[in-house]
């Protein structure tokens, strides 16, 4: 489902600051060589993540779902000069493309990669985060959120991707497990007094939660 008219989206992209040539190259290579390239954050969402990061200037970031590294590089644009992005993905086959573009960027020393299940890695990180991006298996969204929020600084942002799930969250009696989990996740965020939450109908839906 397209939530924003394509012509409006094109106009918005045209009149916004563009991504770097490096990000354009990464997007192109992901689309040519990697399975399920739609998982990439993409141009406009990437600019949105970069903008959020530049506003908040995080010193410590946790990302669940590195994929090919596009979103990590976008978030890195607003990172404190001495800040670190801790990014987790369980797909070892993607590390080569991640490393290729991290090495080409100005942020190699600011990015720490973990290749394993996030549920295993997160409890081992004795770190306080001020920015989080969740973009991984939807079944574990609530689990990820509950672990991460306990490690978040007051005022920190937790951004969760795909919360509108191509509009499937509107289905009343969905038989799809991921759809039902995202509906539970969205409902949980709305009721959670620990955060202030906003869903933005950008691309596949982004939930932005600020820790109270």
C-alpha atoms as a PDB file:
ATOM      1  CA  UNK A   1       0.000   0.000   0.000  1.00  0.00           C
ATOM      2  CA  UNK A   2       1.282   3.477  -0.911  1.00  0.00           C
ATOM      3  CA  UNK A   3       0.412   5.935   1.863  1.00  0.00           C
ATOM      4  CA  UNK A   4       1.690   9.029   0.060  1.00  0.00           C
ATOM      5  CA  UNK A   5       0.792   9.859  -3.542  1.00  0.00           C
ATOM      6  CA  UNK A   6       3.772   8.966  -5.740  1.00  0.00           C
ATOM      7  CA  UNK A   7       3.883  12.394  -7.391  1.00  0.00           C
ATOM      8  CA  UNK A   8       3.816  14.089  -3.987  1.00  0.00           C
ATOM      9  CA  UNK A   9       6.613  11.779  -2.840  1.00  0.00           C
ATOM     10  CA  UNK A  10       8.669  12.582  -5.944  1.00  0.00           C
ATOM     11  CA  UNK A  11       8.122  16.296  -5.355  1.00  0.00           C
ATOM     12  CA  UNK A  12       9.146  15.955  -1.708  1.00  0.00           C
ATOM     13  CA  UNK A  13      12.317  14.076  -2.637  1.00  0.00           C
ATOM     14  CA  UNK A  14      13.154  16.614  -5.352  1.00  0.00           C
ATOM     15  CA  UNK A  15      12.857  19.501  -2.903  1.00  0.00           C
ATOM     16  CA  UNK A  16      14.728  17.883  -0.018  1.00  0.00           C
ATOM     17  CA  UNK A  17      18.458  17.482   0.532  1.00  0.00           C
ATOM     18  CA  UNK A  18      19.638  14.404  -1.399  1.00  0.00           C
ATOM     19  CA  UNK A  19      21.506  11.401   0.007  1.00  0.00           C
ATOM     20  CA  UNK A  20      25.241  11.114  -0.553  1.00  0.00           C
ATOM     21  CA  UNK A  21      26.712   9.438  -3.625  1.00  0.00           C
ATOM     22  CA  UNK A  22      27.858   6.624  -1.341  1.00  0.00           C
ATOM     23  CA  UNK A  23      24.293   5.957  -0.207  1.00  0.00           C
ATOM     24  CA  UNK A  24      23.090   6.060  -3.811  1.00  0.00           C
ATOM     25  CA  UNK A  25      25.729   3.475  -4.717  1.00  0.00           C
ATOM     26  CA  UNK A  26      24.706   1.277  -1.785  1.00  0.00           C
ATOM     27  CA  UNK A  27      21.034   1.492  -2.734  1.00  0.00           C
ATOM     28  CA  UNK A  28      21.878   0.588  -6.329  1.00  0.00           C
ATOM     29  CA  UNK A  29      24.033  -2.401  -5.352  1.00  0.00           C
ATOM     30  CA  UNK A  30      21.429  -3.637  -2.878  1.00  0.00           C
ATOM     31  CA  UNK A  31      18.749  -3.560  -5.570  1.00  0.00           C
ATOM     32  CA  UNK A  32      20.982  -5.362  -8.063  1.00  0.00           C
ATOM     33  CA  UNK A  33      22.555  -8.037  -5.890  1.00  0.00           C
ATOM     34  CA  UNK A  34      20.650  -8.610  -2.653  1.00  0.00           C
ATOM     35  CA  UNK A  35      17.528 -10.665  -2.028  1.00  0.00           C
ATOM     36  CA  UNK A  36      14.470  -8.663  -0.905  1.00  0.00           C
ATOM     37  CA  UNK A  37      15.906  -5.182  -1.630  1.00  0.00           C
ATOM     38  CA  UNK A  38      12.632  -3.642  -0.435  1.00  0.00           C
ATOM     39  CA  UNK A  39      14.002  -4.151   3.085  1.00  0.00           C
ATOM     40  CA  UNK A  40      16.351  -1.219   2.437  1.00  0.00           C
ATOM     41  CA  UNK A  41      15.255   2.009   4.138  1.00  0.00           C
ATOM     42  CA  UNK A  42      15.572   3.895   0.861  1.00  0.00           C
ATOM     43  CA  UNK A  43      16.047   7.528  -0.107  1.00  0.00           C
ATOM     44  CA  UNK A  44      13.246   9.438   1.625  1.00  0.00           C
ATOM     45  CA  UNK A  45      13.062   7.322   4.775  1.00  0.00           C
ATOM     46  CA  UNK A  46      16.836   7.466   4.998  1.00  0.00           C
ATOM     47  CA  UNK A  47      16.724  11.269   4.886  1.00  0.00           C
ATOM     48  CA  UNK A  48      14.104  11.194   7.632  1.00  0.00           C
ATOM     49  CA  UNK A  49      16.304   8.995   9.846  1.00  0.00           C
ATOM     50  CA  UNK A  50      19.266  11.255   9.160  1.00  0.00           C
ATOM     51  CA  UNK A  51      17.191  14.305  10.092  1.00  0.00           C
ATOM     52  CA  UNK A  52      16.042  12.737  13.378  1.00  0.00           C
ATOM     53  CA  UNK A  53      19.630  11.849  14.171  1.00  0.00           C
ATOM     54  CA  UNK A  54      20.928  15.341  13.367  1.00  0.00           C
ATOM     55  CA  UNK A  55      18.289  16.863  15.650  1.00  0.00           C
ATOM     56  CA  UNK A  56      19.061  14.529  18.564  1.00  0.00           C
ATOM     57  CA  UNK A  57      22.854  14.214  18.016  1.00  0.00           C
ATOM     58  CA  UNK A  58      23.040  10.773  19.668  1.00  0.00           C
ATOM     59  CA  UNK A  59      26.172   9.526  21.381  1.00  0.00           C
ATOM     60  CA  UNK A  60      25.082   5.906  21.543  1.00  0.00           C
ATOM     61  CA  UNK A  61      22.784   4.183  19.041  1.00  0.00           C
ATOM     62  CA  UNK A  62      21.369   0.660  18.914  1.00  0.00           C
ATOM     63  CA  UNK A  63      20.077  -0.684  15.611  1.00  0.00           C
ATOM     64  CA  UNK A  64      18.291  -4.015  15.265  1.00  0.00           C
ATOM     65  CA  UNK A  65      18.506  -5.090  11.632  1.00  0.00           C
ATOM     66  CA  UNK A  66      21.609  -3.839   9.825  1.00  0.00           C
ATOM     67  CA  UNK A  67      20.654  -5.365   6.454  1.00  0.00           C
ATOM     68  CA  UNK A  68      23.142  -3.796   3.994  1.00  0.00           C
ATOM     69  CA  UNK A  69      24.002  -0.864   6.268  1.00  0.00           C
ATOM     70  CA  UNK A  70      21.995   1.916   4.606  1.00  0.00           C
ATOM     71  CA  UNK A  71      20.046   3.012   7.681  1.00  0.00           C
ATOM     72  CA  UNK A  72      23.146   2.838   9.900  1.00  0.00           C
ATOM     73  CA  UNK A  73      24.967   5.215   7.554  1.00  0.00           C
ATOM     74  CA  UNK A  74      21.983   7.576   7.508  1.00  0.00           C
ATOM     75  CA  UNK A  75      21.802   7.668  11.305  1.00  0.00           C
ATOM     76  CA  UNK A  76      25.585   8.114  11.489  1.00  0.00           C
ATOM     77  CA  UNK A  77      25.232  11.473   9.723  1.00  0.00           C
ATOM     78  CA  UNK A  78      23.895  13.014  12.947  1.00  0.00           C
ATOM     79  CA  UNK A  79      26.029  11.035  15.359  1.00  0.00           C
ATOM     80  CA  UNK A  80      28.159  12.797  17.958  1.00  0.00           C
ATOM     81  CA  UNK A  81      31.782  12.793  16.640  1.00  0.00           C
ATOM     82  CA  UNK A  82      32.742  10.347  19.389  1.00  0.00           C
ATOM     83  CA  UNK A  83      29.475   8.433  19.223  1.00  0.00           C
ATOM     84  CA  UNK A  84      28.987   4.769  18.396  1.00  0.00           C
ATOM     85  CA  UNK A  85      26.306   2.872  16.495  1.00  0.00           C
ATOM     86  CA  UNK A  86      25.876  -0.699  17.693  1.00  0.00           C
ATOM     87  CA  UNK A  87      24.144  -2.535  14.849  1.00  0.00           C
ATOM     88  CA  UNK A  88      22.950  -6.134  14.965  1.00  0.00           C
ATOM     89  CA  UNK A  89      21.995  -8.556  12.187  1.00  0.00           C
ATOM     90  CA  UNK A  90      21.964 -12.356  12.154  1.00  0.00           C
ATOM     91  CA  UNK A  91      22.677 -12.696   8.421  1.00  0.00           C
ATOM     92  CA  UNK A  92      26.404 -13.366   7.986  1.00  0.00           C
ATOM     93  CA  UNK A  93      26.095 -13.187   4.195  1.00  0.00           C
ATOM     94  CA  UNK A  94      25.463  -9.441   4.355  1.00  0.00           C
ATOM     95  CA  UNK A  95      28.595  -8.504   6.297  1.00  0.00           C
ATOM     96  CA  UNK A  96      30.661  -8.140   3.118  1.00  0.00           C
ATOM     97  CA  UNK A  97      28.452  -5.398   1.677  1.00  0.00           C
ATOM     98  CA  UNK A  98      28.101  -3.728   5.083  1.00  0.00           C
ATOM     99  CA  UNK A  99      31.878  -3.626   5.495  1.00  0.00           C
ATOM    100  CA  UNK A 100      32.410  -2.441   1.928  1.00  0.00           C
ATOM    101  CA  UNK A 101      30.325   0.677   2.439  1.00  0.00           C
ATOM    102  CA  UNK A 102      31.213   1.289   6.081  1.00  0.00           C
ATOM    103  CA  UNK A 103      34.872   1.340   5.023  1.00  0.00           C
ATOM    104  CA  UNK A 104      34.124   3.850   2.259  1.00  0.00           C
ATOM    105  CA  UNK A 105      32.238   6.139   4.638  1.00  0.00           C
ATOM    106  CA  UNK A 106      33.522   8.622   7.202  1.00  0.00           C
ATOM    107  CA  UNK A 107      31.973   6.565  10.000  1.00  0.00           C
ATOM    108  CA  UNK A 108      33.862   3.260  10.004  1.00  0.00           C
ATOM    109  CA  UNK A 109      35.313   3.904  13.468  1.00  0.00           C
ATOM    110  CA  UNK A 110      31.863   4.855  14.790  1.00  0.00           C
ATOM    111  CA  UNK A 111      30.087   1.648  13.763  1.00  0.00           C
ATOM    112  CA  UNK A 112      30.293  -1.598  15.717  1.00  0.00           C
ATOM    113  CA  UNK A 113      28.704  -4.656  14.107  1.00  0.00           C
ATOM    114  CA  UNK A 114      27.305  -7.774  15.753  1.00  0.00           C
ATOM    115  CA  UNK A 115      26.372 -10.875  13.773  1.00  0.00           C
ATOM    116  CA  UNK A 116      23.945 -12.939  15.850  1.00  0.00           C
ATOM    117  CA  UNK A 117      20.366 -12.922  17.075  1.00  0.00           C
ATOM    118  CA  UNK A 118      19.568  -9.580  18.707  1.00  0.00           C
ATOM    119  CA  UNK A 119      17.747 -11.329  21.556  1.00  0.00           C
ATOM    120  CA  UNK A 120      21.106 -12.860  22.522  1.00  0.00           C
ATOM    121  CA  UNK A 121      23.220  -9.742  21.997  1.00  0.00           C
ATOM    122  CA  UNK A 122      21.053  -7.033  23.586  1.00  0.00           C
ATOM    123  CA  UNK A 123      21.172  -8.274  27.212  1.00  0.00           C
ATOM    124  CA  UNK A 124      24.977  -8.380  27.014  1.00  0.00           C
ATOM    125  CA  UNK A 125      25.296  -4.698  26.085  1.00  0.00           C
ATOM    126  CA  UNK A 126      25.827  -2.718  29.273  1.00  0.00           C
ATOM    127  CA  UNK A 127      25.227   0.573  27.489  1.00  0.00           C
ATOM    128  CA  UNK A 128      22.799   3.481  27.818  1.00  0.00           C
ATOM    129  CA  UNK A 129      21.399   4.472  24.427  1.00  0.00           C
ATOM    130  CA  UNK A 130      19.865   7.743  23.282  1.00  0.00           C
ATOM    131  CA  UNK A 131      18.680   6.559  19.852  1.00  0.00           C
ATOM    132  CA  UNK A 132      17.328   3.191  18.723  1.00  0.00           C
ATOM    133  CA  UNK A 133      16.134   1.867  15.378  1.00  0.00           C
ATOM    134  CA  UNK A 134      14.173  -1.388  15.242  1.00  0.00           C
ATOM    135  CA  UNK A 135      13.854  -2.916  11.771  1.00  0.00           C
ATOM    136  CA  UNK A 136      14.035  -6.688  12.087  1.00  0.00           C
ATOM    137  CA  UNK A 137      11.738  -9.704  12.532  1.00  0.00           C
ATOM    138  CA  UNK A 138       8.318  -8.398  13.483  1.00  0.00           C
ATOM    139  CA  UNK A 139       7.537 -11.320  15.783  1.00  0.00           C
ATOM    140  CA  UNK A 140      10.114 -10.019  18.260  1.00  0.00           C
ATOM    141  CA  UNK A 141       9.272  -6.308  18.102  1.00  0.00           C
ATOM    142  CA  UNK A 142       7.749  -6.281  21.592  1.00  0.00           C
ATOM    143  CA  UNK A 143      10.682  -8.274  22.974  1.00  0.00           C
ATOM    144  CA  UNK A 144      13.199  -5.915  21.374  1.00  0.00           C
ATOM    145  CA  UNK A 145      11.348  -2.857  22.630  1.00  0.00           C
ATOM    146  CA  UNK A 146      11.126  -4.119  26.204  1.00  0.00           C
ATOM    147  CA  UNK A 147      14.843  -4.848  26.346  1.00  0.00           C
ATOM    148  CA  UNK A 148      15.846  -1.597  24.665  1.00  0.00           C
ATOM    149  CA  UNK A 149      13.653   0.790  26.667  1.00  0.00           C
ATOM    150  CA  UNK A 150      15.354  -0.321  29.876  1.00  0.00           C
ATOM    151  CA  UNK A 151      18.653   0.800  28.334  1.00  0.00           C
ATOM    152  CA  UNK A 152      17.410   4.144  26.998  1.00  0.00           C
ATOM    153  CA  UNK A 153      18.309   7.599  28.235  1.00  0.00           C
ATOM    154  CA  UNK A 154      15.420   9.871  29.222  1.00  0.00           C
ATOM    155  CA  UNK A 155      14.415  11.851  26.143  1.00  0.00           C
ATOM    156  CA  UNK A 156      15.902   9.238  23.820  1.00  0.00           C
ATOM    157  CA  UNK A 157      14.169   8.151  20.625  1.00  0.00           C
ATOM    158  CA  UNK A 158      13.099   4.637  19.662  1.00  0.00           C
ATOM    159  CA  UNK A 159      12.163   4.430  15.978  1.00  0.00           C
ATOM    160  CA  UNK A 160      10.380   1.273  14.794  1.00  0.00           C
ATOM    161  CA  UNK A 161       9.935   0.493  11.100  1.00  0.00           C
ATOM    162  CA  UNK A 162       7.121  -1.248   9.183  1.00  0.00           C
ATOM    163  CA  UNK A 163       4.458  -0.556  11.806  1.00  0.00           C
ATOM    164  CA  UNK A 164       1.727  -0.116   9.158  1.00  0.00           C
ATOM    165  CA  UNK A 165       2.789  -3.301   7.334  1.00  0.00           C
ATOM    166  CA  UNK A 166       1.467  -2.358   3.883  1.00  0.00           C
ATOM    167  CA  UNK A 167      -1.862  -1.466   5.459  1.00  0.00           C
ATOM    168  CA  UNK A 168      -2.435  -4.988   6.783  1.00  0.00           C
ATOM    169  CA  UNK A 169      -2.784  -3.616  10.321  1.00  0.00           C
ATOM    170  CA  UNK A 170      -6.284  -2.483   9.284  1.00  0.00           C
ATOM    171  CA  UNK A 171      -7.400  -6.097   8.836  1.00  0.00           C
ATOM    172  CA  UNK A 172      -9.694  -7.095  11.699  1.00  0.00           C
ATOM    173  CA  UNK A 173      -9.214 -10.849  11.580  1.00  0.00           C
ATOM    174  CA  UNK A 174      -5.839 -11.361   9.990  1.00  0.00           C
ATOM    175  CA  UNK A 175      -4.424 -14.885   9.900  1.00  0.00           C
ATOM    176  CA  UNK A 176      -0.913 -13.501   9.463  1.00  0.00           C
ATOM    177  CA  UNK A 177       1.187 -13.793  12.623  1.00  0.00           C
ATOM    178  CA  UNK A 178       3.383 -10.790  11.805  1.00  0.00           C
ATOM    179  CA  UNK A 179       0.359  -8.576  11.165  1.00  0.00           C
ATOM    180  CA  UNK A 180      -1.204  -9.542  14.481  1.00  0.00           C
ATOM    181  CA  UNK A 181       2.063  -8.933  16.312  1.00  0.00           C
ATOM    182  CA  UNK A 182       2.428  -5.462  14.802  1.00  0.00           C
ATOM    183  CA  UNK A 183      -1.141  -4.628  15.813  1.00  0.00           C
ATOM    184  CA  UNK A 184      -0.302  -5.671  19.377  1.00  0.00           C
ATOM    185  CA  UNK A 185       2.928  -3.686  19.231  1.00  0.00           C
ATOM    186  CA  UNK A 186       1.200  -0.499  18.049  1.00  0.00           C
ATOM    187  CA  UNK A 187      -1.491  -0.867  20.698  1.00  0.00           C
ATOM    188  CA  UNK A 188       1.148  -1.429  23.365  1.00  0.00           C
ATOM    189  CA  UNK A 189       3.042   1.722  22.375  1.00  0.00           C
ATOM    190  CA  UNK A 190      -0.118   3.819  22.534  1.00  0.00           C
ATOM    191  CA  UNK A 191      -0.824   2.643  26.092  1.00  0.00           C
ATOM    192  CA  UNK A 192       2.766   2.756  27.373  1.00  0.00           C
ATOM    193  CA  UNK A 193       3.176   5.610  29.880  1.00  0.00           C
ATOM    194  CA  UNK A 194       6.977   5.392  29.629  1.00  0.00           C
ATOM    195  CA  UNK A 195       6.918   7.001  26.189  1.00  0.00           C
ATOM    196  CA  UNK A 196       5.286   9.611  23.978  1.00  0.00           C
ATOM    197  CA  UNK A 197       4.489   7.943  20.664  1.00  0.00           C
ATOM    198  CA  UNK A 198       3.758   9.047  17.102  1.00  0.00           C
ATOM    199  CA  UNK A 199       3.136   6.923  14.011  1.00  0.00           C
ATOM    200  CA  UNK A 200       4.271   8.566  10.781  1.00  0.00           C
ATOM    201  CA  UNK A 201       2.700   7.102   7.590  1.00  0.00           C
ATOM    202  CA  UNK A 202       5.993   7.321   5.720  1.00  0.00           C
ATOM    203  CA  UNK A 203       6.792   4.387   3.427  1.00  0.00           C
ATOM    204  CA  UNK A 204       5.674   1.327   5.453  1.00  0.00           C
ATOM    205  CA  UNK A 205       5.043   3.298   8.634  1.00  0.00           C
ATOM    206  CA  UNK A 206       7.482   4.546  11.272  1.00  0.00           C
ATOM    207  CA  UNK A 207       6.698   4.700  14.970  1.00  0.00           C
ATOM    208  CA  UNK A 208       8.679   7.347  16.849  1.00  0.00           C
ATOM    209  CA  UNK A 209       8.703   6.879  20.618  1.00  0.00           C
ATOM    210  CA  UNK A 210      10.372   9.371  22.950  1.00  0.00           C
ATOM    211  CA  UNK A 211      11.251   8.073  26.397  1.00  0.00           C
ATOM    212  CA  UNK A 212       9.585  10.153  29.125  1.00  0.00           C
END
